[in-house]
C-alpha atoms as a PDB file:
ATOM      1  CA  MET A   1      -8.783-105.457  61.314  1.00  0.00           C
ATOM      2  CA  SER A   2      -5.361-105.918  60.490  1.00  0.00           C
ATOM      3  CA  SER A   3      -2.626-103.215  61.505  1.00  0.00           C
ATOM      4  CA  ARG A   4      -1.592-102.644  57.783  1.00  0.00           C
ATOM      5  CA  PHE A   5      -5.252-102.114  56.370  1.00  0.00           C
ATOM      6  CA  ARG A   6      -5.988 -99.815  59.257  1.00  0.00           C
ATOM      7  CA  ASP A   7      -2.565 -97.726  58.254  1.00  0.00           C
ATOM      8  CA  LEU A   8      -4.001 -97.618  54.689  1.00  0.00           C
ATOM      9  CA  LEU A   9      -7.000 -95.945  55.487  1.00  0.00           C
ATOM     10  CA  SER A  10      -5.568 -93.833  57.689  1.00  0.00           C
ATOM     11  CA  ASP A  11      -3.064 -92.543  54.820  1.00  0.00           C
ATOM     12  CA  VAL A  12      -6.090 -91.915  52.681  1.00  0.00           C
ATOM     13  CA  GLY A  13      -7.969 -90.128  54.801  1.00  0.00           C
ATOM     14  CA  ALA A  14      -5.385 -87.698  55.794  1.00  0.00           C
ATOM     15  CA  ARG A  15      -4.372 -86.813  52.056  1.00  0.00           C
ATOM     16  CA  SER A  16      -7.844 -86.425  50.418  1.00  0.00           C
ATOM     17  CA  PRO A  17      -8.980 -83.174  51.436  1.00  0.00           C
ATOM     18  CA  ASP A  18      -5.788 -81.360  50.840  1.00  0.00           C
ATOM     19  CA  GLU A  19      -4.914 -82.908  47.802  1.00  0.00           C
ATOM     20  CA  GLY A  20      -8.546 -82.781  46.432  1.00  0.00           C
ATOM     21  CA  ALA A  21      -8.554 -78.872  46.582  1.00  0.00           C
ATOM     22  CA  HIS A  22      -4.800 -78.709  45.447  1.00  0.00           C
ATOM     23  CA  ALA A  23      -6.083 -80.574  42.521  1.00  0.00           C
ATOM     24  CA  GLN A  24      -8.776 -78.269  41.626  1.00  0.00           C
ATOM     25  CA  TYR A  25      -7.608 -74.762  42.869  1.00  0.00           C
ATOM     26  CA  ALA A  26      -4.915 -72.758  40.419  1.00  0.00           C
ATOM     27  CA  PRO A  27      -3.182 -69.974  41.636  1.00  0.00           C
ATOM     28  CA  PRO A  28      -3.753 -66.394  40.492  1.00  0.00           C
ATOM     29  CA  PRO A  29      -1.400 -64.494  38.595  1.00  0.00           C
ATOM     30  CA  PRO A  30       0.435 -62.242  40.211  1.00  0.00           C
ATOM     31  CA  GLU A  31      -0.896 -58.531  40.549  1.00  0.00           C
ATOM     32  CA  ARG A  32       0.695 -55.717  38.820  1.00  0.00           C
ATOM     33  CA  SER A  33       2.627 -53.686  40.703  1.00  0.00           C
ATOM     34  CA  ARG A  34       0.831 -50.558  42.013  1.00  0.00           C
ATOM     35  CA  THR A  35       4.005 -48.402  41.562  1.00  0.00           C
ATOM     36  CA  GLY A  36       4.131 -49.410  37.618  1.00  0.00           C
ATOM     37  CA  LEU A  37       0.310 -48.091  37.401  1.00  0.00           C
ATOM     38  CA  LEU A  38       1.122 -45.138  38.922  1.00  0.00           C
ATOM     39  CA  HIS A  39       4.016 -43.963  36.793  1.00  0.00           C
ATOM     40  CA  GLY A  40       2.217 -45.163  33.417  1.00  0.00           C
ATOM     41  CA  ALA A  41      -0.839 -42.448  34.741  1.00  0.00           C
ATOM     42  CA  ILE A  42       1.359 -39.856  35.368  1.00  0.00           C
ATOM     43  CA  VAL A  43       3.382 -40.191  32.061  1.00  0.00           C
ATOM     44  CA  SER A  44       0.188 -40.046  30.653  1.00  0.00           C
ATOM     45  CA  GLY A  45      -0.871 -37.385  31.951  1.00  0.00           C
ATOM     46  CA  VAL A  46       2.248 -35.276  31.372  1.00  0.00           C
ATOM     47  CA  ALA A  47       1.932 -36.357  27.372  1.00  0.00           C
ATOM     48  CA  LEU A  48      -1.700 -34.914  27.788  1.00  0.00           C
ATOM     49  CA  LEU A  49      -0.757 -31.726  28.957  1.00  0.00           C
ATOM     50  CA  VAL A  50       1.902 -31.395  26.625  1.00  0.00           C
ATOM     51  CA  VAL A  51      -0.034 -31.872  23.536  1.00  0.00           C
ATOM     52  CA  LEU A  52      -2.747 -29.456  24.955  1.00  0.00           C
ATOM     53  CA  GLY A  53      -0.297 -27.086  25.757  1.00  0.00           C
ATOM     54  CA  LEU A  54       0.814 -27.160  22.072  1.00  0.00           C
ATOM     55  CA  VAL A  55      -2.078 -26.683  20.561  1.00  0.00           C
ATOM     56  CA  GLY A  56      -2.893 -23.656  22.997  1.00  0.00           C
ATOM     57  CA  SER A  57       0.061 -21.854  21.937  1.00  0.00           C
ATOM     58  CA  SER A  58      -0.768 -22.550  18.259  1.00  0.00           C
ATOM     59  CA  VAL A  59      -3.836 -21.196  18.568  1.00  0.00           C
ATOM     60  CA  ARG A  60      -2.596 -18.024  20.812  1.00  0.00           C
ATOM     61  CA  SER A  61      -0.039 -17.537  18.025  1.00  0.00           C
ATOM     62  CA  ALA A  62      -2.739 -17.633  15.013  1.00  0.00           C
ATOM     63  CA  GLY A  63      -5.225 -15.242  16.817  1.00  0.00           C
ATOM     64  CA  GLN A  64      -2.244 -12.778  17.308  1.00  0.00           C
ATOM     65  CA  ARG A  65      -1.493 -13.151  13.649  1.00  0.00           C
ATOM     66  CA  LEU A  66      -4.637 -12.574  12.771  1.00  0.00           C
ATOM     67  CA  GLU A  67      -5.078  -9.291  15.289  1.00  0.00           C
ATOM     68  CA  ALA A  68      -1.900  -7.941  13.724  1.00  0.00           C
ATOM     69  CA  SER A  69      -2.768  -8.453  10.408  1.00  0.00           C
ATOM     70  CA  GLY A  70      -6.494  -6.678  11.121  1.00  0.00           C
ATOM     71  CA  ALA A  71      -4.616  -3.890  12.849  1.00  0.00           C
ATOM     72  CA  GLY A  72      -2.228  -3.353   9.769  1.00  0.00           C
ATOM     73  CA  GLY A  73      -5.338  -3.469   7.193  1.00  0.00           C
ATOM     74  CA  ALA A  74      -7.406  -1.068   9.715  1.00  0.00           C
ATOM     75  CA  GLN A  75      -4.170   1.408  10.087  1.00  0.00           C
ATOM     76  CA  LYS A  76      -3.756   1.422   6.230  1.00  0.00           C
ATOM     77  CA  VAL A  77      -7.212   2.245   5.481  1.00  0.00           C
ATOM     78  CA  ALA A  78      -7.424   4.496   8.291  1.00  0.00           C
ATOM     79  CA  THR A  79      -4.281   6.256   6.339  1.00  0.00           C
ATOM     80  CA  ALA A  80      -6.281   6.191   2.807  1.00  0.00           C
ATOM     81  CA  GLN A  81      -9.464   7.928   4.346  1.00  0.00           C
ATOM     82  CA  GLU A  82      -7.172  10.383   6.322  1.00  0.00           C
ATOM     83  CA  ALA A  83      -5.632  11.322   2.772  1.00  0.00           C
ATOM     84  CA  GLU A  84      -8.830  11.783   0.865  1.00  0.00           C
ATOM     85  CA  VAL A  85     -10.131  14.042   3.650  1.00  0.00           C
ATOM     86  CA  ALA A  86      -7.046  16.304   3.812  1.00  0.00           C
ATOM     87  CA  TYR A  87      -6.101  16.437   0.867  1.00  0.00           C
ATOM     88  CA  CYS A  88      -8.954  15.927  -1.647  1.00  0.00           C
ATOM     89  CA  THR A  89     -11.039  18.527  -0.764  1.00  0.00           C
ATOM     90  CA  HIS A  90     -14.499  18.901  -2.726  1.00  0.00           C
ATOM     91  CA  ASP A  91     -13.234  22.174  -4.662  1.00  0.00           C
ATOM     92  CA  PHE A  92     -10.360  20.478  -5.704  1.00  0.00           C
ATOM     93  CA  LYS A  93     -12.377  17.379  -6.898  1.00  0.00           C
ATOM     94  CA  ALA A  94     -14.589  19.602  -8.652  1.00  0.00           C
ATOM     95  CA  VAL A  95     -11.941  21.029 -11.048  1.00  0.00           C
ATOM     96  CA  LEU A  96     -10.627  18.307 -11.245  1.00  0.00           C
ATOM     97  CA  GLU A  97     -13.229  15.940 -12.588  1.00  0.00           C
ATOM     98  CA  ARG A  98     -13.739  19.439 -15.376  1.00  0.00           C
ATOM     99  CA  VAL A  99     -10.318  18.779 -15.958  1.00  0.00           C
ATOM    100  CA  LEU A 100     -10.179  14.953 -16.848  1.00  0.00           C
ATOM    101  CA  HIS A 101     -13.391  15.224 -18.949  1.00  0.00           C
ATOM    102  CA  SER A 102     -12.204  19.186 -20.823  1.00  0.00           C
ATOM    103  CA  CYS A 103      -8.489  18.171 -21.436  1.00  0.00           C
ATOM    104  CA  GLY A 104      -9.003  14.876 -23.062  1.00  0.00           C
ATOM    105  CA  LEU A 105      -8.510  12.311 -19.783  1.00  0.00           C
ATOM    106  CA  GLY A 106     -10.925   9.433 -18.547  1.00  0.00           C
ATOM    107  CA  THR A 107     -12.221   8.626 -21.922  1.00  0.00           C
ATOM    108  CA  PRO A 108     -10.683   7.815 -25.468  1.00  0.00           C
ATOM    109  CA  THR A 109     -10.551  11.443 -27.566  1.00  0.00           C
ATOM    110  CA  GLU A 110      -8.263  13.027 -30.128  1.00  0.00           C
ATOM    111  CA  ARG A 111      -8.081  15.789 -27.434  1.00  0.00           C
ATOM    112  CA  ARG A 112      -5.126  16.522 -25.537  1.00  0.00           C
ATOM    113  CA  GLY A 113      -4.479  19.105 -22.946  1.00  0.00           C
ATOM    114  CA  CYS A 114      -6.030  22.452 -22.096  1.00  0.00           C
ATOM    115  CA  LYS A 115      -5.156  25.701 -23.295  1.00  0.00           C
ATOM    116  CA  PRO A 116      -5.708  29.164 -20.915  1.00  0.00           C
ATOM    117  CA  ALA A 117      -9.199  30.150 -22.631  1.00  0.00           C
ATOM    118  CA  ASP A 118     -10.246  26.692 -21.845  1.00  0.00           C
ATOM    119  CA  ILE A 119      -9.478  26.654 -18.113  1.00  0.00           C
ATOM    120  CA  LYS A 120     -10.717  29.714 -17.516  1.00  0.00           C
ATOM    121  CA  THR A 121     -14.036  28.595 -18.775  1.00  0.00           C
ATOM    122  CA  PHE A 122     -14.477  24.878 -16.892  1.00  0.00           C
ATOM    123  CA  ALA A 123     -12.543  25.910 -13.982  1.00  0.00           C
ATOM    124  CA  ALA A 124     -14.728  28.613 -13.116  1.00  0.00           C
ATOM    125  CA  ILE A 125     -11.875  30.139 -10.384  1.00  0.00           C
ATOM    126  CA  ASP A 126     -10.018  32.921 -10.008  1.00  0.00           C
ATOM    127  CA  ASP A 127      -6.235  32.466 -10.600  1.00  0.00           C
ATOM    128  CA  ALA A 128      -5.186  32.746  -6.779  1.00  0.00           C
ATOM    129  CA  ASP A 129      -8.146  29.767  -5.941  1.00  0.00           C
ATOM    130  CA  PHE A 130      -7.019  28.065  -8.735  1.00  0.00           C
ATOM    131  CA  ASN A 131      -3.116  27.805  -7.520  1.00  0.00           C
ATOM    132  CA  ALA A 132      -4.388  27.240  -4.072  1.00  0.00           C
ATOM    133  CA  LEU A 133      -5.986  23.949  -5.435  1.00  0.00           C
ATOM    134  CA  PHE A 134      -2.460  22.575  -5.703  1.00  0.00           C
ATOM    135  CA  THR A 135      -0.971  23.596  -2.320  1.00  0.00           C
ATOM    136  CA  PRO A 136      -1.786  20.088  -0.703  1.00  0.00           C
ATOM    137  CA  LEU A 137       0.360  18.759  -3.492  1.00  0.00           C
ATOM    138  CA  LYS A 138       3.606  20.479  -2.450  1.00  0.00           C
ATOM    139  CA  GLU A 139       5.629  17.367  -1.301  1.00  0.00           C
ATOM    140  CA  ARG A 140       3.883  15.008  -4.045  1.00  0.00           C
ATOM    141  CA  GLY A 141       4.803  16.826  -6.863  1.00  0.00           C
ATOM    142  CA  GLY A 142       7.754  19.283  -8.393  1.00  0.00           C
ATOM    143  CA  VAL A 143       8.343  22.194 -10.297  1.00  0.00           C
ATOM    144  CA  LEU A 144      10.487  21.924 -13.353  1.00  0.00           C
ATOM    145  CA  MET A 145      12.394  24.985 -14.367  1.00  0.00           C
ATOM    146  CA  PHE A 146      13.071  26.168 -18.044  1.00  0.00           C
ATOM    147  CA  ASP A 147      15.336  28.826 -19.465  1.00  0.00           C
ATOM    148  CA  GLU A 148      14.139  32.235 -20.718  1.00  0.00           C
ATOM    149  CA  GLY A 149      11.899  31.217 -24.118  1.00  0.00           C
ATOM    150  CA  SER A 150      13.099  27.713 -24.119  1.00  0.00           C
ATOM    151  CA  ASP A 151      11.211  24.466 -23.987  1.00  0.00           C
ATOM    152  CA  VAL A 152      14.410  22.211 -23.684  1.00  0.00           C
ATOM    153  CA  LEU A 153      14.149  20.271 -20.473  1.00  0.00           C
ATOM    154  CA  ASP A 154      17.292  19.968 -18.995  1.00  0.00           C
ATOM    155  CA  GLU A 155      18.933  17.008 -16.892  1.00  0.00           C
ATOM    156  CA  GLU A 156      18.095  18.181 -13.198  1.00  0.00           C
ATOM    157  CA  GLY A 157      14.722  18.615 -14.760  1.00  0.00           C
ATOM    158  CA  LYS A 158      14.314  14.986 -16.087  1.00  0.00           C
ATOM    159  CA  LYS A 159      15.521  13.491 -12.748  1.00  0.00           C
ATOM    160  CA  LEU A 160      12.696  15.582 -10.902  1.00  0.00           C
ATOM    161  CA  LEU A 161      10.470  14.536 -13.436  1.00  0.00           C
ATOM    162  CA  GLU A 162      11.701  10.614 -13.301  1.00  0.00           C
ATOM    163  CA  ASP A 163      11.866  10.906  -9.178  1.00  0.00           C
ATOM    164  CA  ARG A 164       8.009  12.217  -9.329  1.00  0.00           C
ATOM    165  CA  TRP A 165       6.549   9.778 -12.080  1.00  0.00           C
ATOM    166  CA  PHE A 166       7.782   6.515 -10.604  1.00  0.00           C
ATOM    167  CA  ALA A 167       6.387   7.560  -7.049  1.00  0.00           C
ATOM    168  CA  ARG A 168       2.917   7.147  -8.541  1.00  0.00           C
ATOM    169  CA  GLN A 169       1.979   4.941  -5.395  1.00  0.00           C
ATOM    170  CA  GLY A 170      -1.481   3.332  -7.159  1.00  0.00           C
ATOM    171  CA  ALA A 171      -2.543   6.969  -8.439  1.00  0.00           C
ATOM    172  CA  ARG A 172      -4.270   7.073 -11.529  1.00  0.00           C
ATOM    173  CA  TYR A 173      -3.504  11.062 -13.272  1.00  0.00           C
ATOM    174  CA  PHE A 174      -0.434  12.305 -13.507  1.00  0.00           C
ATOM    175  CA  PHE A 175      -1.226  16.141 -14.350  1.00  0.00           C
ATOM    176  CA  VAL A 176       1.623  18.769 -15.915  1.00  0.00           C
ATOM    177  CA  VAL A 177       0.545  22.462 -15.499  1.00  0.00           C
ATOM    178  CA  ALA A 178       2.737  24.324 -17.648  1.00  0.00           C
ATOM    179  CA  ARG A 179       3.954  27.815 -17.487  1.00  0.00           C
ATOM    180  CA  ALA A 180       5.454  31.196 -19.273  1.00  0.00           C
ATOM    181  CA  SER A 181       6.886  34.358 -17.668  1.00  0.00           C
ATOM    182  CA  LYS A 182       5.513  37.826 -18.172  1.00  0.00           C
ATOM    183  CA  THR A 183       7.889  38.468 -20.777  1.00  0.00           C
ATOM    184  CA  GLY A 184       7.189  38.181 -24.391  1.00  0.00           C
ATOM    185  CA  THR A 185       3.422  38.184 -25.907  1.00  0.00           C
ATOM    186  CA  PRO A 186       0.537  36.781 -24.609  1.00  0.00           C
ATOM    187  CA  ASP A 187       0.747  34.315 -28.024  1.00  0.00           C
ATOM    188  CA  GLN A 188       4.073  33.789 -27.538  1.00  0.00           C
ATOM    189  CA  ASN A 189       3.880  32.381 -23.740  1.00  0.00           C
ATOM    190  CA  ARG A 190       1.105  30.646 -24.908  1.00  0.00           C
ATOM    191  CA  ALA A 191       2.606  28.648 -27.422  1.00  0.00           C
ATOM    192  CA  LEU A 192       5.771  28.203 -25.233  1.00  0.00           C
ATOM    193  CA  SER A 193       4.192  26.573 -22.459  1.00  0.00           C
ATOM    194  CA  HIS A 194       2.010  24.664 -24.771  1.00  0.00           C
ATOM    195  CA  ARG A 195       5.720  23.180 -25.643  1.00  0.00           C
ATOM    196  CA  ARG A 196       6.896  23.104 -22.370  1.00  0.00           C
ATOM    197  CA  ALA A 197       4.136  20.538 -21.025  1.00  0.00           C
ATOM    198  CA  ASN A 198       4.840  18.403 -24.376  1.00  0.00           C
ATOM    199  CA  SER A 199       8.551  18.520 -23.644  1.00  0.00           C
ATOM    200  CA  VAL A 200       7.473  16.942 -20.422  1.00  0.00           C
ATOM    201  CA  LEU A 201       5.227  14.495 -22.066  1.00  0.00           C
ATOM    202  CA  PHE A 202       7.780  13.486 -24.741  1.00  0.00           C
ATOM    203  CA  HIS A 203      10.304  12.485 -21.964  1.00  0.00           C
ATOM    204  CA  LEU A 204       7.891  10.134 -20.205  1.00  0.00           C
ATOM    205  CA  GLN A 205       7.124   8.491 -23.522  1.00  0.00           C
ATOM    206  CA  GLN A 206      11.261   8.074 -23.915  1.00  0.00           C
ATOM    207  CA  LEU A 207      10.924   6.246 -20.668  1.00  0.00           C
ATOM    208  CA  GLY A 208       9.193   3.366 -22.334  1.00  0.00           C
ATOM    209  CA  GLU A 209       7.016   2.227 -19.237  1.00  0.00           C
ATOM    210  CA  ASP A 210       3.849   2.945 -20.681  1.00  0.00           C
ATOM    211  CA  THR A 211       2.416   3.027 -24.060  1.00  0.00           C
ATOM    212  CA  GLU A 212       1.367   5.881 -25.598  1.00  0.00           C
ATOM    213  CA  GLU A 213      -2.545   5.254 -25.237  1.00  0.00           C
ATOM    214  CA  GLU A 214      -1.744   4.881 -21.599  1.00  0.00           C
ATOM    215  CA  LEU A 215       0.133   7.854 -21.048  1.00  0.00           C
ATOM    216  CA  ASN A 216      -2.789   9.296 -23.151  1.00  0.00           C
ATOM    217  CA  GLN A 217      -5.267   8.247 -20.084  1.00  0.00           C
ATOM    218  CA  ARG A 218      -3.207   9.259 -17.742  1.00  0.00           C
ATOM    219  CA  VAL A 219      -1.198  12.223 -18.281  1.00  0.00           C
ATOM    220  CA  GLY A 220      -3.148  15.407 -18.196  1.00  0.00           C
ATOM    221  CA  LEU A 221      -1.613  18.941 -19.940  1.00  0.00           C
ATOM    222  CA  LEU A 222      -2.427  22.343 -19.249  1.00  0.00           C
ATOM    223  CA  TRP A 223      -0.783  25.280 -20.624  1.00  0.00           C
ATOM    224  CA  LEU A 224      -1.355  28.501 -19.028  1.00  0.00           C
ATOM    225  CA  GLY A 225       1.073  31.141 -20.747  1.00  0.00           C
ATOM    226  CA  ASN A 226       1.014  33.890 -18.778  1.00  0.00           C
ATOM    227  CA  GLU A 227      -2.601  34.334 -18.830  1.00  0.00           C
ATOM    228  CA  TYR A 228      -3.935  32.268 -15.784  1.00  0.00           C
ATOM    229  CA  ALA A 229      -2.849  31.282 -12.663  1.00  0.00           C
ATOM    230  CA  GLN A 230       0.716  32.669 -12.457  1.00  0.00           C
ATOM    231  CA  LEU A 231       2.973  31.902  -9.585  1.00  0.00           C
ATOM    232  CA  SER A 232       4.113  34.126  -6.755  1.00  0.00           C
ATOM    233  CA  SER A 233       7.780  33.832  -5.163  1.00  0.00           C
ATOM    234  CA  ASP A 234       6.334  31.491  -2.554  1.00  0.00           C
ATOM    235  CA  TYR A 235       6.434  28.758  -4.821  1.00  0.00           C
ATOM    236  CA  CYS A 236      10.185  29.110  -5.003  1.00  0.00           C
ATOM    237  CA  GLU A 237       9.754  26.759  -1.585  1.00  0.00           C
ATOM    238  CA  TRP A 238       8.629  24.335  -3.579  1.00  0.00           C
ATOM    239  CA  PRO A 239      10.573  20.870  -4.565  1.00  0.00           C
ATOM    240  CA  ARG A 240      12.100  22.395  -7.626  1.00  0.00           C
ATOM    241  CA  SER A 241      15.043  21.685 -10.357  1.00  0.00           C
ATOM    242  CA  ARG A 242      17.997  24.258 -10.081  1.00  0.00           C
ATOM    243  CA  GLU A 243      17.667  24.326  -6.633  1.00  0.00           C
ATOM    244  CA  GLN A 244      20.742  26.298  -6.006  1.00  0.00           C
ATOM    245  CA  ALA A 245      19.538  28.858  -9.391  1.00  0.00           C
ATOM    246  CA  PRO A 246      17.967  32.330  -8.101  1.00  0.00           C
ATOM    247  CA  CYS A 247      14.465  32.207  -8.090  1.00  0.00           C
ATOM    248  CA  GLY A 248      11.437  34.894  -7.777  1.00  0.00           C
ATOM    249  CA  GLU A 249       8.476  35.070 -10.148  1.00  0.00           C
ATOM    250  CA  GLU A 250      10.196  35.601 -13.402  1.00  0.00           C
ATOM    251  CA  PRO A 251      12.118  32.321 -13.205  1.00  0.00           C
ATOM    252  CA  ILE A 252       9.284  30.205 -11.228  1.00  0.00           C
ATOM    253  CA  ASN A 253       6.789  30.783 -14.152  1.00  0.00           C
ATOM    254  CA  ARG A 254       9.130  29.469 -16.596  1.00  0.00           C
ATOM    255  CA  SER A 255       8.257  25.945 -15.287  1.00  0.00           C
ATOM    256  CA  ALA A 256       6.030  23.138 -15.352  1.00  0.00           C
ATOM    257  CA  PHE A 257       4.570  21.674 -12.235  1.00  0.00           C
ATOM    258  CA  VAL A 258       3.877  18.106 -12.193  1.00  0.00           C
ATOM    259  CA  SER A 259       2.420  15.179  -9.845  1.00  0.00           C
ATOM    260  CA  TRP A 260       0.409  12.653  -9.440  1.00  0.00           C
ATOM    261  CA  VAL A 261      -3.093  13.315  -7.971  1.00  0.00           C
ATOM    262  CA  ASP A 262      -4.370  10.496  -5.536  1.00  0.00           C
ATOM    263  CA  CYS A 263      -8.095  11.934  -5.304  1.00  0.00           C
ATOM    264  CA  ARG A 264     -11.083   9.048  -5.799  1.00  0.00           C
ATOM    265  CA  LEU A 265     -13.545  10.428  -8.252  1.00  0.00           C
END
């Protein structure tokens, strides 16, 4: 064999294993950096924690609002229940119902108010007990003072009446209990106390807040003259018009007591 032919075989044999392997094998793509993968995992975890934190905070805030709302509602209910227990006694409600049905409130009727004889009949309690029923209304109501022999409601009386009228607070019935002092005859004082009660009603009509029908269903008029449930001088301490004027048993009975009544019947 010639030397040229041997060199050729030597060249082929030396290249073929490596070159064949290189021809069939493609190098793999470079691997992702482990540091990059770790960074991505950390970012995703932080984002997830932020989202969960926001959701948890919103849920807690909503829960706190609901608890506060529930506590406020419970407090209102408790207040209403306490007012009902402390203020609206069984005896008061019993007399109140008789007044509503006997003096023209609660149902459509032509009758307006009650005179002393009516009250003595349906109240079925003595003078002192009748007045005691209104003691819880001391701060809720007010005493409108009149001049002797007069049924004219002065400016102080109108102001006090309006203050009490517009402090309704959801109550349904407004009572006017008019009286007269011992001066004069029973007939004269009965008529005078009736006119005083009407003066209060007329001023409420002039306010224009309610129709005549609405007033008839809300305002209860009682005129007692000097025959029933006269007030003692202790009532001079109640809220009244003419606060600076001298007060005693005569002046305090030249008056009309007014108040909303909050009881549920």
